[in-house]
Amino acid sequence: MGTVRLKIREFATERGWSLKEVSTRSGVNYSTLKTYAQSSGMATVDATALIKLARVFEVAIEDLIEIVEE
């Protein structure tokens, strides 16, 4: 099973947003968002959170995900 990293910090930084602001804009719980942003690789990610984050950053889900290990 592979692991992925979400490029939350990169997209937030490009827009000048804090993680708190991303949380407010996306509706993704701050603690969940912080965990995702700090993780160097996860085996599972909530699909609903991915959709919300992709929408708030106006990117495709594929752009939000970096495959760390296959």
N, C-alpha and C. Protein backbone atom coordinates (compact mmCIF):
# COMPACT_ATOMS: atom_id res chain seq x y z
N MET A 1 0.84 -1.18 0.00
CA MET A 1 0.00 0.00 0.00
C MET A 1 0.88 1.25 0.00
N GLY A 2 0.52 2.24 -0.79
CA GLY A 2 1.30 3.46 -0.88
C GLY A 2 0.90 4.49 0.16
N THR A 3 1.69 5.52 0.25
CA THR A 3 1.37 6.63 1.14
C THR A 3 1.37 7.93 0.34
N VAL A 4 0.60 8.88 0.82
CA VAL A 4 0.49 10.16 0.15
C VAL A 4 0.74 11.29 1.13
N ARG A 5 1.12 12.43 0.58
CA ARG A 5 1.28 13.65 1.35
C ARG A 5 0.41 14.70 0.67
N LEU A 6 -0.32 15.46 1.48
CA LEU A 6 -1.16 16.51 0.92
C LEU A 6 -0.38 17.82 0.90
N LYS A 7 -0.46 18.53 -0.20
CA LYS A 7 0.30 19.77 -0.38
C LYS A 7 -0.48 20.98 0.15
N ILE A 8 -0.99 20.86 1.36
CA ILE A 8 -1.81 21.90 1.97
C ILE A 8 -0.99 23.15 2.25
N ARG A 9 0.15 22.97 2.86
CA ARG A 9 0.98 24.15 3.22
C ARG A 9 1.41 24.92 1.98
N GLU A 10 1.77 24.22 0.93
CA GLU A 10 2.21 24.88 -0.30
C GLU A 10 1.10 25.76 -0.87
N PHE A 11 -0.11 25.19 -0.97
CA PHE A 11 -1.23 25.94 -1.53
C PHE A 11 -1.66 27.08 -0.61
N ALA A 12 -1.63 26.85 0.69
CA ALA A 12 -1.98 27.90 1.65
C ALA A 12 -0.98 29.06 1.56
N THR A 13 0.30 28.73 1.49
CA THR A 13 1.35 29.74 1.41
C THR A 13 1.21 30.57 0.14
N GLU A 14 0.91 29.92 -0.98
CA GLU A 14 0.72 30.64 -2.25
C GLU A 14 -0.37 31.69 -2.14
N ARG A 15 -1.37 31.41 -1.33
CA ARG A 15 -2.51 32.33 -1.19
C ARG A 15 -2.38 33.26 0.01
N GLY A 16 -1.33 33.05 0.81
CA GLY A 16 -1.15 33.88 1.99
C GLY A 16 -2.11 33.53 3.12
N TRP A 17 -2.57 32.28 3.15
CA TRP A 17 -3.53 31.83 4.15
C TRP A 17 -2.84 31.03 5.25
N SER A 18 -3.32 31.16 6.46
CA SER A 18 -2.87 30.30 7.56
C SER A 18 -3.69 29.01 7.51
N LEU A 19 -3.25 28.00 8.26
CA LEU A 19 -4.02 26.77 8.32
C LEU A 19 -5.40 27.01 8.94
N LYS A 20 -5.48 27.93 9.89
CA LYS A 20 -6.77 28.29 10.49
C LYS A 20 -7.71 28.84 9.42
N GLU A 21 -7.18 29.68 8.56
CA GLU A 21 -7.99 30.26 7.49
C GLU A 21 -8.42 29.19 6.49
N VAL A 22 -7.54 28.28 6.16
CA VAL A 22 -7.89 27.17 5.27
C VAL A 22 -9.02 26.36 5.90
N SER A 23 -8.91 26.10 7.19
CA SER A 23 -9.93 25.35 7.91
C SER A 23 -11.29 26.05 7.83
N THR A 24 -11.29 27.34 8.08
CA THR A 24 -12.53 28.12 8.04
C THR A 24 -13.13 28.14 6.65
N ARG A 25 -12.29 28.36 5.65
CA ARG A 25 -12.76 28.45 4.27
C ARG A 25 -13.26 27.11 3.74
N SER A 26 -12.60 26.02 4.14
CA SER A 26 -12.93 24.70 3.59
C SER A 26 -13.98 23.95 4.40
N GLY A 27 -14.07 24.25 5.68
CA GLY A 27 -14.97 23.48 6.54
C GLY A 27 -14.34 22.20 7.07
N VAL A 28 -13.03 22.01 6.81
CA VAL A 28 -12.31 20.85 7.34
C VAL A 28 -11.84 21.21 8.75
N ASN A 29 -12.11 20.33 9.69
CA ASN A 29 -11.73 20.54 11.08
C ASN A 29 -10.25 20.92 11.18
N TYR A 30 -9.94 21.93 11.99
CA TYR A 30 -8.57 22.42 12.10
C TYR A 30 -7.59 21.34 12.54
N SER A 31 -7.95 20.53 13.51
CA SER A 31 -7.01 19.51 13.98
C SER A 31 -6.74 18.47 12.89
N THR A 32 -7.75 18.14 12.12
CA THR A 32 -7.56 17.22 10.99
C THR A 32 -6.65 17.85 9.95
N LEU A 33 -6.93 19.09 9.63
CA LEU A 33 -6.14 19.81 8.64
C LEU A 33 -4.68 19.91 9.07
N LYS A 34 -4.46 20.22 10.33
CA LYS A 34 -3.10 20.34 10.87
C LYS A 34 -2.36 18.99 10.77
N THR A 35 -3.07 17.92 11.11
CA THR A 35 -2.47 16.58 11.00
C THR A 35 -2.08 16.29 9.56
N TYR A 36 -2.98 16.57 8.63
CA TYR A 36 -2.69 16.34 7.21
C TYR A 36 -1.51 17.19 6.74
N ALA A 37 -1.47 18.45 7.17
CA ALA A 37 -0.42 19.36 6.72
C ALA A 37 0.95 18.98 7.27
N GLN A 38 0.99 18.38 8.46
CA GLN A 38 2.26 18.04 9.10
C GLN A 38 2.76 16.65 8.73
N SER A 39 1.90 15.82 8.17
CA SER A 39 2.28 14.44 7.88
C SER A 39 3.17 14.35 6.65
N SER A 40 4.21 13.54 6.76
CA SER A 40 5.09 13.33 5.62
C SER A 40 4.62 12.17 4.74
N GLY A 41 3.62 11.43 5.22
CA GLY A 41 3.05 10.34 4.44
C GLY A 41 1.95 9.63 5.19
N MET A 42 0.79 9.50 4.55
CA MET A 42 -0.37 8.85 5.16
C MET A 42 -0.88 7.75 4.25
N ALA A 43 -1.41 6.70 4.85
CA ALA A 43 -1.99 5.61 4.07
C ALA A 43 -3.45 5.90 3.72
N THR A 44 -4.14 6.67 4.58
CA THR A 44 -5.54 6.99 4.33
C THR A 44 -5.79 8.48 4.56
N VAL A 45 -6.73 8.99 3.78
CA VAL A 45 -7.15 10.38 3.90
C VAL A 45 -8.67 10.40 3.66
N ASP A 46 -9.37 11.23 4.40
CA ASP A 46 -10.82 11.36 4.25
C ASP A 46 -11.15 11.98 2.89
N ALA A 47 -11.93 11.27 2.09
CA ALA A 47 -12.26 11.73 0.75
C ALA A 47 -13.04 13.04 0.77
N THR A 48 -13.92 13.21 1.74
CA THR A 48 -14.69 14.45 1.85
C THR A 48 -13.76 15.63 2.10
N ALA A 49 -12.77 15.45 2.96
CA ALA A 49 -11.80 16.52 3.23
C ALA A 49 -11.02 16.86 1.97
N LEU A 50 -10.62 15.84 1.20
CA LEU A 50 -9.90 16.09 -0.06
C LEU A 50 -10.72 16.94 -1.01
N ILE A 51 -12.00 16.62 -1.14
CA ILE A 51 -12.88 17.36 -2.04
C ILE A 51 -13.00 18.81 -1.57
N LYS A 52 -13.22 19.00 -0.28
CA LYS A 52 -13.35 20.36 0.27
C LYS A 52 -12.08 21.16 0.06
N LEU A 53 -10.93 20.55 0.30
CA LEU A 53 -9.66 21.25 0.13
C LEU A 53 -9.39 21.59 -1.33
N ALA A 54 -9.66 20.65 -2.21
CA ALA A 54 -9.47 20.91 -3.64
C ALA A 54 -10.35 22.07 -4.09
N ARG A 55 -11.57 22.12 -3.60
CA ARG A 55 -12.48 23.21 -3.97
C ARG A 55 -11.98 24.56 -3.46
N VAL A 56 -11.56 24.59 -2.19
CA VAL A 56 -11.14 25.87 -1.61
C VAL A 56 -9.87 26.39 -2.28
N PHE A 57 -8.98 25.48 -2.69
CA PHE A 57 -7.75 25.89 -3.38
C PHE A 57 -7.95 26.03 -4.89
N GLU A 58 -9.14 25.60 -5.37
CA GLU A 58 -9.46 25.64 -6.79
C GLU A 58 -8.46 24.86 -7.63
N VAL A 59 -8.19 23.63 -7.18
CA VAL A 59 -7.29 22.72 -7.89
C VAL A 59 -7.96 21.35 -8.00
N ALA A 60 -7.44 20.52 -8.87
CA ALA A 60 -7.91 19.14 -8.96
C ALA A 60 -7.35 18.36 -7.77
N ILE A 61 -8.07 17.34 -7.35
CA ILE A 61 -7.61 16.52 -6.24
C ILE A 61 -6.21 15.98 -6.53
N GLU A 62 -5.95 15.62 -7.76
CA GLU A 62 -4.64 15.09 -8.15
C GLU A 62 -3.52 16.09 -7.88
N ASP A 63 -3.82 17.37 -7.97
CA ASP A 63 -2.82 18.41 -7.72
C ASP A 63 -2.52 18.57 -6.24
N LEU A 64 -3.46 18.18 -5.41
CA LEU A 64 -3.34 18.32 -3.97
C LEU A 64 -2.53 17.18 -3.34
N ILE A 65 -2.44 16.06 -4.06
CA ILE A 65 -1.82 14.84 -3.54
C ILE A 65 -0.44 14.63 -4.15
N GLU A 66 0.51 14.28 -3.29
CA GLU A 66 1.84 13.87 -3.74
C GLU A 66 2.04 12.43 -3.27
N ILE A 67 2.33 11.53 -4.19
CA ILE A 67 2.58 10.14 -3.82
C ILE A 67 3.98 10.06 -3.25
N VAL A 68 4.08 9.58 -2.01
CA VAL A 68 5.36 9.50 -1.32
C VAL A 68 6.00 8.13 -1.55
N GLU A 69 5.17 7.10 -1.47
CA GLU A 69 5.67 5.73 -1.60
C GLU A 69 4.58 4.87 -2.19
N GLU A 70 4.95 4.04 -3.16
CA GLU A 70 3.96 3.12 -3.78
C GLU A 70 4.19 1.73 -3.31
